[in-house]
Amino acid sequence: MTCNYMNEGCDGGWPHFNVFLAENGYMVSEECAPYKQKTKGDHCSYYGSCKPVAKVQRSYFVGGGWGNTSEKKMMKEILRNGPINGDF
């Protein structure tokens, strides 16, 4: 994903903002913007030349709202629609 300016820059953040940016922006390749465990000292400008490779069409909360999910609802969502974005 491009450096997420909506989610504390490259300094971590919240999964639901990652999906929101992927829906309203785009995803980039791992080759152009590799995952890093730590991003201290990293800058969004390093990834400005990354080309879009994917876009999320629609995102939503499993269970309909923040905090209204369960393990069973998440399992059903994965079975029906594939991967989910989560936090703990």
C-alpha atoms as a PDB file:
ATOM      1  CA  MET A   1       0.000   0.000   0.000  1.00  0.00           C
ATOM      2  CA  THR A   2       1.170   3.507  -0.517  1.00  0.00           C
ATOM      3  CA  CYS A   3       2.495   5.217   2.569  1.00  0.00           C
ATOM      4  CA  ASN A   4      -0.729   5.860   4.426  1.00  0.00           C
ATOM      5  CA  TYR A   5      -0.944   9.577   5.167  1.00  0.00           C
ATOM      6  CA  MET A   6      -4.331   8.991   6.872  1.00  0.00           C
ATOM      7  CA  ASN A   7      -2.856   6.539   9.362  1.00  0.00           C
ATOM      8  CA  GLU A   8       0.014   8.175  11.245  1.00  0.00           C
ATOM      9  CA  GLY A   9       2.191   8.220   8.126  1.00  0.00           C
ATOM     10  CA  CYS A  10       4.676   5.368   8.062  1.00  0.00           C
ATOM     11  CA  ASP A  11       4.627   5.063  11.859  1.00  0.00           C
ATOM     12  CA  GLY A  12       2.010   2.322  12.301  1.00  0.00           C
ATOM     13  CA  GLY A  13      -1.654   2.952  12.919  1.00  0.00           C
ATOM     14  CA  TRP A  14      -5.104   1.462  12.587  1.00  0.00           C
ATOM     15  CA  PRO A  15      -6.140  -1.360  10.196  1.00  0.00           C
ATOM     16  CA  HIS A  16      -9.490   0.202   9.280  1.00  0.00           C
ATOM     17  CA  PHE A  17      -7.647   3.263   7.952  1.00  0.00           C
ATOM     18  CA  ASN A  18      -5.460   0.994   5.812  1.00  0.00           C
ATOM     19  CA  VAL A  19      -8.559  -0.445   4.155  1.00  0.00           C
ATOM     20  CA  PHE A  20     -10.082   3.025   3.808  1.00  0.00           C
ATOM     21  CA  LEU A  21      -6.960   4.241   1.988  1.00  0.00           C
ATOM     22  CA  ALA A  22      -6.886   1.126  -0.219  1.00  0.00           C
ATOM     23  CA  GLU A  23     -10.515   1.839  -1.140  1.00  0.00           C
ATOM     24  CA  ASN A  24      -9.990   5.552  -1.783  1.00  0.00           C
ATOM     25  CA  GLY A  25      -6.431   5.246  -3.094  1.00  0.00           C
ATOM     26  CA  TYR A  26      -4.629   2.126  -4.291  1.00  0.00           C
ATOM     27  CA  MET A  27      -2.251  -0.698  -3.390  1.00  0.00           C
ATOM     28  CA  VAL A  28       1.328  -0.956  -4.670  1.00  0.00           C
ATOM     29  CA  SER A  29       3.661  -3.918  -5.177  1.00  0.00           C
ATOM     30  CA  GLU A  30       5.826  -5.450  -2.469  1.00  0.00           C
ATOM     31  CA  GLU A  31       8.817  -4.878  -4.754  1.00  0.00           C
ATOM     32  CA  CYS A  32       8.284  -1.106  -4.800  1.00  0.00           C
ATOM     33  CA  ALA A  33       7.266  -0.699  -1.152  1.00  0.00           C
ATOM     34  CA  PRO A  34       8.482  -3.721   0.840  1.00  0.00           C
ATOM     35  CA  TYR A  35       7.008  -4.444   4.251  1.00  0.00           C
ATOM     36  CA  LYS A  36       9.235  -3.263   7.077  1.00  0.00           C
ATOM     37  CA  GLN A  37       8.827  -4.162  10.709  1.00  0.00           C
ATOM     38  CA  LYS A  38       9.922  -0.666  11.711  1.00  0.00           C
ATOM     39  CA  THR A  39       9.458   2.538   9.749  1.00  0.00           C
ATOM     40  CA  LYS A  40      11.318   5.023  11.940  1.00  0.00           C
ATOM     41  CA  GLY A  41      13.138   7.426   9.653  1.00  0.00           C
ATOM     42  CA  ASP A  42      11.115   6.306   6.629  1.00  0.00           C
ATOM     43  CA  HIS A  43       9.288   8.931   4.551  1.00  0.00           C
ATOM     44  CA  CYS A  44       6.217   8.692   2.334  1.00  0.00           C
ATOM     45  CA  SER A  45       8.165  10.471  -0.414  1.00  0.00           C
ATOM     46  CA  TYR A  46      10.337   7.330  -0.795  1.00  0.00           C
ATOM     47  CA  TYR A  47       7.332   5.569  -2.356  1.00  0.00           C
ATOM     48  CA  GLY A  48       6.019   8.337  -4.607  1.00  0.00           C
ATOM     49  CA  SER A  49       7.055   6.520  -7.773  1.00  0.00           C
ATOM     50  CA  CYS A  50       5.217   3.289  -6.903  1.00  0.00           C
ATOM     51  CA  LYS A  51       2.606   2.375  -9.511  1.00  0.00           C
ATOM     52  CA  PRO A  52      -0.920   1.256  -8.555  1.00  0.00           C
ATOM     53  CA  VAL A  53      -1.419  -2.521  -8.803  1.00  0.00           C
ATOM     54  CA  ALA A  54      -4.769  -3.041  -7.012  1.00  0.00           C
ATOM     55  CA  LYS A  55      -7.693  -1.172  -5.499  1.00  0.00           C
ATOM     56  CA  VAL A  56     -10.276  -2.179  -2.875  1.00  0.00           C
ATOM     57  CA  GLN A  57     -13.778  -1.691  -4.276  1.00  0.00           C
ATOM     58  CA  ARG A  58     -15.727  -1.770  -1.011  1.00  0.00           C
ATOM     59  CA  SER A  59     -14.884  -2.137   2.666  1.00  0.00           C
ATOM     60  CA  TYR A  60     -17.103  -2.631   5.701  1.00  0.00           C
ATOM     61  CA  PHE A  61     -16.994  -3.758   9.311  1.00  0.00           C
ATOM     62  CA  VAL A  62     -17.615  -7.456   9.927  1.00  0.00           C
ATOM     63  CA  GLY A  63     -20.722  -7.459  12.114  1.00  0.00           C
ATOM     64  CA  GLY A  64     -21.845  -4.075  10.783  1.00  0.00           C
ATOM     65  CA  GLY A  65     -19.961  -1.760  13.130  1.00  0.00           C
ATOM     66  CA  TRP A  66     -16.835  -1.176  15.184  1.00  0.00           C
ATOM     67  CA  GLY A  67     -16.687  -3.694  18.043  1.00  0.00           C
ATOM     68  CA  ASN A  68     -19.730  -5.641  16.836  1.00  0.00           C
ATOM     69  CA  THR A  69     -18.002  -8.768  15.626  1.00  0.00           C
ATOM     70  CA  SER A  70     -17.144 -12.198  16.946  1.00  0.00           C
ATOM     71  CA  GLU A  71     -14.804 -15.029  16.063  1.00  0.00           C
ATOM     72  CA  LYS A  72     -17.705 -16.850  14.401  1.00  0.00           C
ATOM     73  CA  LYS A  73     -18.635 -13.798  12.273  1.00  0.00           C
ATOM     74  CA  MET A  74     -15.002 -13.422  11.209  1.00  0.00           C
ATOM     75  CA  MET A  75     -14.773 -17.108  10.238  1.00  0.00           C
ATOM     76  CA  LYS A  76     -17.954 -16.802   8.143  1.00  0.00           C
ATOM     77  CA  GLU A  77     -16.602 -13.682   6.452  1.00  0.00           C
ATOM     78  CA  ILE A  78     -13.324 -15.414   5.553  1.00  0.00           C
ATOM     79  CA  LEU A  79     -15.213 -18.442   4.216  1.00  0.00           C
ATOM     80  CA  ARG A  80     -17.567 -16.325   2.082  1.00  0.00           C
ATOM     81  CA  ASN A  81     -15.327 -13.476   0.932  1.00  0.00           C
ATOM     82  CA  GLY A  82     -11.685 -14.249   1.693  1.00  0.00           C
ATOM     83  CA  PRO A  83      -9.128 -12.381   3.824  1.00  0.00           C
ATOM     84  CA  ILE A  84     -10.113  -9.811   6.421  1.00  0.00           C
ATOM     85  CA  ASN A  85      -8.183  -6.922   7.941  1.00  0.00           C
ATOM     86  CA  GLY A  86      -7.913  -7.078  11.716  1.00  0.00           C
ATOM     87  CA  ASP A  87      -6.353  -5.669  14.839  1.00  0.00           C
ATOM     88  CA  PHE A  88      -5.930  -6.866  18.392  1.00  0.00           C
END
